[in-house]
């Protein structure tokens, strides 16, 4: 199952004049976090070691990894078992966890809307957010916080039937 695909973004209501790659920036930032937190799937540990190393050294971005190693798609097999459980609860806005806390895209928009507001500008769309390590660094604390909240939430037996 694919959680997200670049083509879902650049193939739909997408701003004119932007390169297709921008449709994967938000996916790539999430993937960079997955790699940084060692939640990447075993398949990539076996087949993408050099690319993982390059992401960790910030020689390439998560979006670059998404394009070259994941065929522009974030799939179940791209993520470790624990990471997958988190992604299933967090990436989809309709899950019980996302309803109680937030989903990834909402957090993504909130982080960058707050950054833009603090600096006196607005992003034209989510696809106009720059694919940079500086922006990944802006997003990581929110992802770390959600992951910690999810770990507590997920351990609660009352949530096992709702996730």
N, C-alpha and C. Protein backbone atom coordinates (compact mmCIF):
# COMPACT_ATOMS: atom_id res chain seq x y z
N UNK A 1 0.84 -1.18 0.00
CA UNK A 1 0.00 0.00 0.00
C UNK A 1 0.89 1.24 0.00
N UNK A 2 0.53 2.19 -0.83
CA UNK A 2 1.25 3.46 -0.87
C UNK A 2 0.57 4.45 0.06
N UNK A 3 1.36 5.11 0.88
CA UNK A 3 0.85 6.18 1.74
C UNK A 3 0.75 7.49 0.98
N UNK A 4 1.71 7.72 0.11
CA UNK A 4 1.72 8.96 -0.65
C UNK A 4 2.55 8.73 -1.91
N UNK A 5 2.17 9.43 -2.97
CA UNK A 5 2.88 9.36 -4.24
C UNK A 5 3.03 10.78 -4.77
N UNK A 6 4.16 11.06 -5.33
CA UNK A 6 4.37 12.38 -5.92
C UNK A 6 3.33 12.66 -6.99
N UNK A 7 3.00 11.66 -7.78
CA UNK A 7 2.06 11.86 -8.89
C UNK A 7 0.66 12.24 -8.41
N UNK A 8 0.31 11.88 -7.18
CA UNK A 8 -0.98 12.30 -6.64
C UNK A 8 -1.03 13.82 -6.51
N UNK A 9 0.14 14.41 -6.38
CA UNK A 9 0.22 15.86 -6.19
C UNK A 9 0.46 16.58 -7.51
N UNK A 10 1.52 16.24 -8.23
CA UNK A 10 1.78 16.94 -9.48
C UNK A 10 0.83 16.52 -10.60
N UNK A 11 0.11 15.42 -10.38
CA UNK A 11 -0.85 14.98 -11.38
C UNK A 11 -2.24 15.54 -11.17
N UNK A 12 -2.43 16.33 -10.12
CA UNK A 12 -3.76 16.86 -9.81
C UNK A 12 -3.80 18.37 -9.94
N UNK A 13 -4.40 19.00 -8.94
CA UNK A 13 -4.52 20.46 -8.92
C UNK A 13 -3.19 21.02 -8.43
N UNK A 14 -2.27 21.19 -9.35
CA UNK A 14 -0.89 21.54 -9.03
C UNK A 14 -0.55 22.89 -9.64
N UNK A 15 0.16 23.73 -8.90
CA UNK A 15 0.48 25.07 -9.41
C UNK A 15 1.30 25.01 -10.71
N UNK A 16 0.91 25.83 -11.65
CA UNK A 16 1.65 25.91 -12.91
C UNK A 16 3.03 26.49 -12.67
N UNK A 17 3.97 26.00 -13.44
CA UNK A 17 5.32 26.54 -13.39
C UNK A 17 6.24 25.91 -12.37
N UNK A 18 5.70 25.08 -11.49
CA UNK A 18 6.56 24.40 -10.51
C UNK A 18 7.03 23.07 -11.09
N UNK A 19 8.27 22.70 -10.80
CA UNK A 19 8.72 21.38 -11.26
C UNK A 19 7.96 20.27 -10.52
N UNK A 20 7.78 19.13 -11.17
CA UNK A 20 7.09 18.00 -10.57
C UNK A 20 7.70 17.58 -9.24
N UNK A 21 9.02 17.76 -9.10
CA UNK A 21 9.70 17.35 -7.86
C UNK A 21 9.09 18.00 -6.63
N UNK A 22 8.58 19.22 -6.78
CA UNK A 22 7.99 19.91 -5.63
C UNK A 22 6.79 19.16 -5.07
N UNK A 23 6.16 18.32 -5.87
CA UNK A 23 5.07 17.49 -5.38
C UNK A 23 5.52 16.44 -4.40
N UNK A 24 6.82 16.25 -4.26
CA UNK A 24 7.36 15.27 -3.33
C UNK A 24 8.11 15.86 -2.16
N UNK A 25 8.16 17.17 -2.04
CA UNK A 25 8.94 17.79 -0.96
C UNK A 25 8.43 17.36 0.40
N UNK A 26 7.13 17.41 0.62
CA UNK A 26 6.58 17.04 1.93
C UNK A 26 6.81 15.55 2.23
N UNK A 27 6.73 14.72 1.22
CA UNK A 27 6.98 13.28 1.40
C UNK A 27 8.46 13.07 1.73
N UNK A 28 9.31 13.76 1.01
CA UNK A 28 10.74 13.63 1.22
C UNK A 28 11.19 14.08 2.59
N UNK A 29 10.59 15.14 3.10
CA UNK A 29 10.95 15.61 4.45
C UNK A 29 10.55 14.57 5.49
N UNK A 30 9.39 13.96 5.30
CA UNK A 30 8.97 12.89 6.21
C UNK A 30 9.91 11.70 6.11
N UNK A 31 10.30 11.36 4.90
CA UNK A 31 11.22 10.26 4.67
C UNK A 31 12.60 10.55 5.28
N UNK A 32 13.05 11.79 5.21
CA UNK A 32 14.32 12.16 5.85
C UNK A 32 14.24 11.93 7.35
N UNK A 33 13.10 12.26 7.95
CA UNK A 33 12.90 12.02 9.38
C UNK A 33 12.91 10.52 9.67
N UNK A 34 12.24 9.74 8.84
CA UNK A 34 12.22 8.28 9.00
C UNK A 34 13.63 7.72 8.97
N UNK A 35 14.42 8.19 8.02
CA UNK A 35 15.81 7.71 7.91
C UNK A 35 16.61 8.15 9.13
N UNK A 36 16.47 9.41 9.53
CA UNK A 36 17.22 9.94 10.68
C UNK A 36 16.88 9.21 11.97
N UNK A 37 15.67 8.72 12.09
CA UNK A 37 15.24 8.02 13.31
C UNK A 37 15.32 6.50 13.18
N UNK A 38 15.99 6.04 12.13
CA UNK A 38 16.20 4.62 11.84
C UNK A 38 14.88 3.83 11.82
N UNK A 39 13.91 4.41 11.16
CA UNK A 39 12.62 3.74 10.98
C UNK A 39 12.44 3.31 9.52
N UNK A 40 13.53 3.32 8.78
CA UNK A 40 13.50 2.94 7.36
C UNK A 40 13.39 1.41 7.26
N UNK A 41 12.75 0.95 6.22
CA UNK A 41 12.50 -0.48 6.03
C UNK A 41 13.76 -1.29 5.76
N UNK A 42 13.67 -2.56 6.09
CA UNK A 42 14.78 -3.50 5.90
C UNK A 42 15.24 -3.54 4.45
N UNK A 43 14.30 -3.45 3.52
CA UNK A 43 14.64 -3.46 2.10
C UNK A 43 15.67 -2.38 1.79
N UNK A 44 15.51 -1.21 2.39
CA UNK A 44 16.46 -0.12 2.12
C UNK A 44 17.78 -0.35 2.85
N UNK A 45 17.73 -0.99 4.02
CA UNK A 45 18.99 -1.33 4.69
C UNK A 45 19.81 -2.27 3.83
N UNK A 46 19.13 -3.11 3.07
CA UNK A 46 19.82 -4.07 2.20
C UNK A 46 20.21 -3.45 0.86
N UNK A 47 19.35 -2.61 0.29
CA UNK A 47 19.54 -2.16 -1.09
C UNK A 47 19.93 -0.69 -1.25
N UNK A 48 19.79 0.10 -0.23
CA UNK A 48 19.98 1.55 -0.39
C UNK A 48 20.96 2.11 0.64
N UNK A 49 21.93 1.31 1.06
CA UNK A 49 22.84 1.74 2.12
C UNK A 49 23.56 3.03 1.78
N UNK A 50 24.04 3.15 0.57
CA UNK A 50 24.78 4.36 0.17
C UNK A 50 23.86 5.58 0.19
N UNK A 51 22.66 5.43 -0.31
CA UNK A 51 21.72 6.55 -0.32
C UNK A 51 21.32 6.94 1.10
N UNK A 52 21.13 5.96 1.98
CA UNK A 52 20.82 6.25 3.39
C UNK A 52 21.98 7.03 4.01
N UNK A 53 23.19 6.58 3.76
CA UNK A 53 24.37 7.27 4.28
C UNK A 53 24.41 8.72 3.78
N UNK A 54 24.08 8.92 2.52
CA UNK A 54 24.12 10.26 1.94
C UNK A 54 23.03 11.17 2.53
N UNK A 55 21.87 10.59 2.85
CA UNK A 55 20.83 11.39 3.52
C UNK A 55 21.32 11.76 4.92
N UNK A 56 21.85 10.80 5.63
CA UNK A 56 22.31 11.05 7.00
C UNK A 56 23.44 12.09 7.04
N UNK A 57 24.25 12.14 6.00
CA UNK A 57 25.32 13.13 5.91
C UNK A 57 24.84 14.42 5.25
N UNK A 58 23.56 14.44 4.88
CA UNK A 58 22.93 15.59 4.24
C UNK A 58 23.56 15.96 2.90
N UNK A 59 24.02 14.95 2.21
CA UNK A 59 24.54 15.14 0.86
C UNK A 59 23.41 15.11 -0.17
N UNK A 60 22.33 14.41 0.16
CA UNK A 60 21.11 14.42 -0.64
C UNK A 60 19.94 14.63 0.33
N UNK A 61 18.81 15.04 -0.20
CA UNK A 61 17.63 15.25 0.64
C UNK A 61 16.75 14.00 0.66
N UNK A 62 15.78 14.02 1.55
CA UNK A 62 14.80 12.95 1.58
C UNK A 62 14.03 12.87 0.27
N UNK A 63 13.78 14.02 -0.34
CA UNK A 63 13.10 14.02 -1.64
C UNK A 63 13.95 13.34 -2.70
N UNK A 64 15.26 13.56 -2.68
CA UNK A 64 16.16 12.87 -3.61
C UNK A 64 16.05 11.35 -3.40
N UNK A 65 16.05 10.94 -2.13
CA UNK A 65 15.92 9.52 -1.79
C UNK A 65 14.59 8.98 -2.29
N UNK A 66 13.53 9.74 -2.09
CA UNK A 66 12.20 9.34 -2.55
C UNK A 66 12.19 9.08 -4.05
N UNK A 67 12.83 9.95 -4.79
CA UNK A 67 12.84 9.84 -6.25
C UNK A 67 13.73 8.68 -6.70
N UNK A 68 14.93 8.59 -6.16
CA UNK A 68 15.89 7.59 -6.67
C UNK A 68 15.71 6.19 -6.08
N UNK A 69 15.27 6.11 -4.83
CA UNK A 69 15.21 4.81 -4.16
C UNK A 69 13.78 4.29 -3.96
N UNK A 70 12.79 5.16 -4.07
CA UNK A 70 11.41 4.77 -3.77
C UNK A 70 10.46 4.97 -4.95
N UNK A 71 11.01 5.28 -6.12
CA UNK A 71 10.19 5.46 -7.31
C UNK A 71 9.08 6.49 -7.10
N UNK A 72 9.39 7.56 -6.36
CA UNK A 72 8.48 8.67 -6.09
C UNK A 72 7.29 8.29 -5.22
N UNK A 73 7.37 7.17 -4.49
CA UNK A 73 6.25 6.71 -3.68
C UNK A 73 6.72 6.29 -2.29
N UNK A 74 5.91 6.59 -1.29
CA UNK A 74 6.16 6.13 0.07
C UNK A 74 5.27 4.91 0.30
N UNK A 75 5.90 3.74 0.34
CA UNK A 75 5.22 2.45 0.47
C UNK A 75 5.42 1.86 1.84
N UNK A 76 4.61 0.88 2.18
CA UNK A 76 4.75 0.15 3.45
C UNK A 76 6.15 -0.42 3.60
N UNK A 77 6.69 -1.02 2.53
CA UNK A 77 8.00 -1.67 2.64
C UNK A 77 9.15 -0.68 2.78
N UNK A 78 8.89 0.61 2.61
CA UNK A 78 9.92 1.63 2.81
C UNK A 78 10.17 1.91 4.29
N UNK A 79 9.33 1.35 5.15
CA UNK A 79 9.32 1.73 6.56
C UNK A 79 9.46 0.48 7.43
N UNK A 80 10.16 0.60 8.55
CA UNK A 80 10.31 -0.50 9.49
C UNK A 80 8.95 -0.86 10.11
N UNK A 81 8.90 -1.96 10.82
CA UNK A 81 7.65 -2.41 11.43
C UNK A 81 7.08 -1.37 12.40
N UNK A 82 7.92 -0.87 13.31
CA UNK A 82 7.43 0.14 14.25
C UNK A 82 7.10 1.44 13.54
N UNK A 83 7.95 1.84 12.61
CA UNK A 83 7.68 3.04 11.84
C UNK A 83 6.38 2.93 11.07
N UNK A 84 6.11 1.76 10.54
CA UNK A 84 4.89 1.53 9.79
C UNK A 84 3.65 1.71 10.66
N UNK A 85 3.69 1.20 11.87
CA UNK A 85 2.55 1.37 12.78
C UNK A 85 2.30 2.86 13.04
N UNK A 86 3.37 3.61 13.23
CA UNK A 86 3.24 5.06 13.43
C UNK A 86 2.67 5.74 12.18
N UNK A 87 3.24 5.43 11.03
CA UNK A 87 2.80 6.06 9.79
C UNK A 87 1.33 5.75 9.51
N UNK A 88 0.91 4.54 9.78
CA UNK A 88 -0.49 4.17 9.56
C UNK A 88 -1.43 5.01 10.41
N UNK A 89 -1.00 5.35 11.61
CA UNK A 89 -1.83 6.15 12.50
C UNK A 89 -1.69 7.65 12.27
N UNK A 90 -0.56 8.10 11.76
CA UNK A 90 -0.26 9.53 11.67
C UNK A 90 -0.43 10.12 10.28
N UNK A 91 -0.14 9.37 9.25
CA UNK A 91 -0.15 9.95 7.90
C UNK A 91 -1.56 10.17 7.37
N UNK A 92 -2.52 9.41 7.85
CA UNK A 92 -3.91 9.49 7.41
C UNK A 92 -4.72 10.34 8.38
N UNK A 93 -5.38 11.36 7.89
CA UNK A 93 -6.12 12.27 8.76
C UNK A 93 -7.36 11.64 9.39
N UNK A 94 -7.77 10.48 8.92
CA UNK A 94 -9.00 9.86 9.41
C UNK A 94 -8.78 8.89 10.58
N UNK A 95 -7.55 8.66 10.98
CA UNK A 95 -7.30 7.70 12.06
C UNK A 95 -7.63 8.31 13.42
N UNK A 96 -7.83 7.45 14.39
CA UNK A 96 -8.14 7.91 15.75
C UNK A 96 -7.00 8.76 16.31
N UNK A 97 -5.76 8.36 16.06
CA UNK A 97 -4.62 9.13 16.54
C UNK A 97 -4.61 10.52 15.90
N UNK A 98 -4.75 10.58 14.60
CA UNK A 98 -4.72 11.86 13.89
C UNK A 98 -5.88 12.75 14.33
N UNK A 99 -7.01 12.16 14.59
CA UNK A 99 -8.16 12.95 15.04
C UNK A 99 -7.89 13.57 16.42
N UNK A 100 -7.18 12.83 17.26
CA UNK A 100 -6.89 13.32 18.61
C UNK A 100 -5.73 14.31 18.62
N UNK A 101 -4.73 14.09 17.79
CA UNK A 101 -3.53 14.94 17.80
C UNK A 101 -3.47 15.78 16.52
N UNK A 102 -3.02 15.19 15.46
CA UNK A 102 -2.95 15.81 14.14
C UNK A 102 -2.43 14.77 13.17
N UNK A 103 -2.60 15.01 11.91
CA UNK A 103 -1.99 14.14 10.90
C UNK A 103 -0.77 14.85 10.33
N UNK A 104 0.02 14.12 9.58
CA UNK A 104 1.27 14.67 9.08
C UNK A 104 1.09 15.94 8.25
N UNK A 105 0.20 15.91 7.29
CA UNK A 105 0.06 17.07 6.42
C UNK A 105 -0.40 18.31 7.19
N UNK A 106 -1.24 18.12 8.19
CA UNK A 106 -1.67 19.26 9.02
C UNK A 106 -0.47 19.83 9.79
N UNK A 107 0.32 18.94 10.40
CA UNK A 107 1.52 19.40 11.09
C UNK A 107 2.48 20.10 10.14
N UNK A 108 2.67 19.54 8.97
CA UNK A 108 3.55 20.13 7.96
C UNK A 108 3.11 21.56 7.65
N UNK A 109 1.82 21.71 7.34
CA UNK A 109 1.28 23.04 7.02
C UNK A 109 1.40 23.99 8.21
N UNK A 110 1.09 23.50 9.41
CA UNK A 110 1.17 24.35 10.60
C UNK A 110 2.59 24.86 10.84
N UNK A 111 3.57 23.98 10.72
CA UNK A 111 4.97 24.36 10.94
C UNK A 111 5.38 25.44 9.95
N UNK A 112 5.07 25.24 8.68
CA UNK A 112 5.54 26.20 7.67
C UNK A 112 4.67 27.45 7.60
N UNK A 113 3.40 27.35 7.95
CA UNK A 113 2.58 28.55 8.05
C UNK A 113 3.08 29.44 9.20
N UNK A 114 3.44 28.82 10.31
CA UNK A 114 3.96 29.58 11.45
C UNK A 114 5.30 30.24 11.09
N UNK A 115 6.15 29.50 10.40
CA UNK A 115 7.43 30.06 9.97
C UNK A 115 7.21 31.25 9.04
N UNK A 116 6.32 31.09 8.09
CA UNK A 116 6.05 32.17 7.14
C UNK A 116 5.49 33.39 7.86
N UNK A 117 4.52 33.17 8.74
CA UNK A 117 3.90 34.28 9.47
C UNK A 117 4.94 35.02 10.32
N UNK A 118 5.83 34.27 10.95
CA UNK A 118 6.86 34.89 11.79
C UNK A 118 7.85 35.71 10.97
N UNK A 119 7.92 35.42 9.68
CA UNK A 119 8.87 36.12 8.81
C UNK A 119 8.18 37.03 7.80
N UNK A 120 6.88 37.27 8.00
CA UNK A 120 6.16 38.25 7.19
C UNK A 120 5.84 37.86 5.77
N UNK A 121 5.63 36.57 5.52
CA UNK A 121 5.22 36.17 4.18
C UNK A 121 4.27 34.99 4.26
N UNK A 122 3.72 34.61 3.14
CA UNK A 122 2.87 33.42 3.04
C UNK A 122 3.40 32.56 1.91
N UNK A 123 3.29 31.26 2.08
CA UNK A 123 3.58 30.36 0.98
C UNK A 123 2.39 30.34 0.04
N UNK A 124 2.67 30.35 -1.23
CA UNK A 124 1.60 30.31 -2.22
C UNK A 124 0.81 29.00 -2.13
N UNK A 125 1.52 27.91 -1.84
CA UNK A 125 0.91 26.59 -1.65
C UNK A 125 1.91 25.74 -0.89
N UNK A 126 1.48 24.55 -0.48
CA UNK A 126 2.42 23.66 0.21
C UNK A 126 3.55 23.22 -0.74
N UNK A 127 3.31 23.33 -2.03
CA UNK A 127 4.31 22.92 -3.01
C UNK A 127 5.39 23.97 -3.22
N UNK A 128 5.21 25.14 -2.63
CA UNK A 128 6.20 26.20 -2.74
C UNK A 128 7.21 26.20 -1.58
N UNK A 129 7.06 25.30 -0.65
CA UNK A 129 8.01 25.19 0.47
C UNK A 129 9.31 24.60 -0.07
N UNK A 130 10.39 25.27 0.25
CA UNK A 130 11.70 24.88 -0.28
C UNK A 130 12.14 23.52 0.27
N UNK A 131 12.67 22.71 -0.61
CA UNK A 131 13.25 21.42 -0.25
C UNK A 131 14.66 21.66 0.27
N UNK A 132 14.77 21.91 1.58
CA UNK A 132 16.07 22.22 2.15
C UNK A 132 16.22 21.53 3.51
N UNK A 133 17.46 21.34 3.90
CA UNK A 133 17.71 20.76 5.22
C UNK A 133 17.29 21.73 6.32
N UNK A 134 17.37 23.01 6.06
CA UNK A 134 16.90 23.99 7.04
C UNK A 134 15.41 23.78 7.33
N UNK A 135 14.64 23.50 6.31
CA UNK A 135 13.21 23.25 6.51
C UNK A 135 12.96 21.89 7.17
N UNK A 136 13.76 20.91 6.85
CA UNK A 136 13.64 19.62 7.55
C UNK A 136 13.89 19.84 9.04
N UNK A 137 14.89 20.65 9.36
CA UNK A 137 15.19 20.94 10.76
C UNK A 137 14.04 21.67 11.46
N UNK A 138 13.30 22.47 10.72
CA UNK A 138 12.12 23.13 11.29
C UNK A 138 11.03 22.12 11.62
N UNK A 139 10.91 21.10 10.80
CA UNK A 139 9.83 20.12 10.92
C UNK A 139 10.14 19.01 11.92
N UNK A 140 11.39 18.64 12.06
CA UNK A 140 11.76 17.48 12.89
C UNK A 140 11.26 17.54 14.33
N UNK A 141 11.34 18.67 15.02
CA UNK A 141 10.84 18.67 16.40
C UNK A 141 9.35 18.31 16.49
N UNK A 142 8.57 18.74 15.53
CA UNK A 142 7.15 18.39 15.53
C UNK A 142 6.97 16.90 15.28
N UNK A 143 7.74 16.35 14.35
CA UNK A 143 7.64 14.91 14.08
C UNK A 143 8.10 14.09 15.29
N UNK A 144 9.17 14.53 15.93
CA UNK A 144 9.63 13.85 17.14
C UNK A 144 8.56 13.89 18.23
N UNK A 145 7.93 15.04 18.39
CA UNK A 145 6.87 15.18 19.40
C UNK A 145 5.70 14.26 19.08
N UNK A 146 5.26 14.24 17.82
CA UNK A 146 4.15 13.36 17.44
C UNK A 146 4.51 11.89 17.65
N UNK A 147 5.74 11.55 17.32
CA UNK A 147 6.16 10.16 17.49
C UNK A 147 6.14 9.78 18.97
N UNK A 148 6.61 10.65 19.84
CA UNK A 148 6.56 10.39 21.28
C UNK A 148 5.12 10.29 21.77
N UNK A 149 4.27 11.19 21.31
CA UNK A 149 2.85 11.11 21.69
C UNK A 149 2.23 9.81 21.20
N UNK A 150 2.58 9.43 19.99
CA UNK A 150 2.05 8.19 19.43
C UNK A 150 2.52 6.98 20.24
N UNK A 151 3.78 6.96 20.65
CA UNK A 151 4.28 5.82 21.43
C UNK A 151 3.47 5.63 22.70
N UNK A 152 3.16 6.71 23.39
CA UNK A 152 2.33 6.64 24.60
C UNK A 152 0.91 6.21 24.22
N UNK A 153 0.35 6.85 23.22
CA UNK A 153 -1.01 6.57 22.76
C UNK A 153 -1.14 5.11 22.32
N UNK A 154 -0.17 4.64 21.57
CA UNK A 154 -0.19 3.29 21.00
C UNK A 154 -0.10 2.20 22.08
N UNK A 155 0.61 2.50 23.16
CA UNK A 155 0.74 1.52 24.25
C UNK A 155 -0.54 1.37 25.06
N UNK A 156 -1.44 2.32 24.95
CA UNK A 156 -2.69 2.26 25.68
C UNK A 156 -3.61 1.23 25.03
N UNK A 157 -3.98 0.17 25.75
CA UNK A 157 -4.82 -0.88 25.15
C UNK A 157 -6.16 -0.35 24.61
N UNK A 158 -6.63 0.73 25.16
CA UNK A 158 -7.91 1.29 24.68
C UNK A 158 -7.80 1.78 23.24
N UNK A 159 -6.58 2.06 22.77
CA UNK A 159 -6.41 2.57 21.42
C UNK A 159 -6.13 1.47 20.39
N UNK A 160 -5.87 0.27 20.83
CA UNK A 160 -5.50 -0.78 19.89
C UNK A 160 -6.63 -1.13 18.93
N UNK A 161 -7.85 -1.01 19.36
CA UNK A 161 -8.98 -1.32 18.49
C UNK A 161 -9.35 -0.15 17.59
N UNK A 162 -8.88 1.05 17.94
CA UNK A 162 -9.26 2.25 17.19
C UNK A 162 -8.26 2.61 16.11
N UNK A 163 -7.04 2.10 16.17
CA UNK A 163 -6.01 2.53 15.23
C UNK A 163 -6.16 1.93 13.86
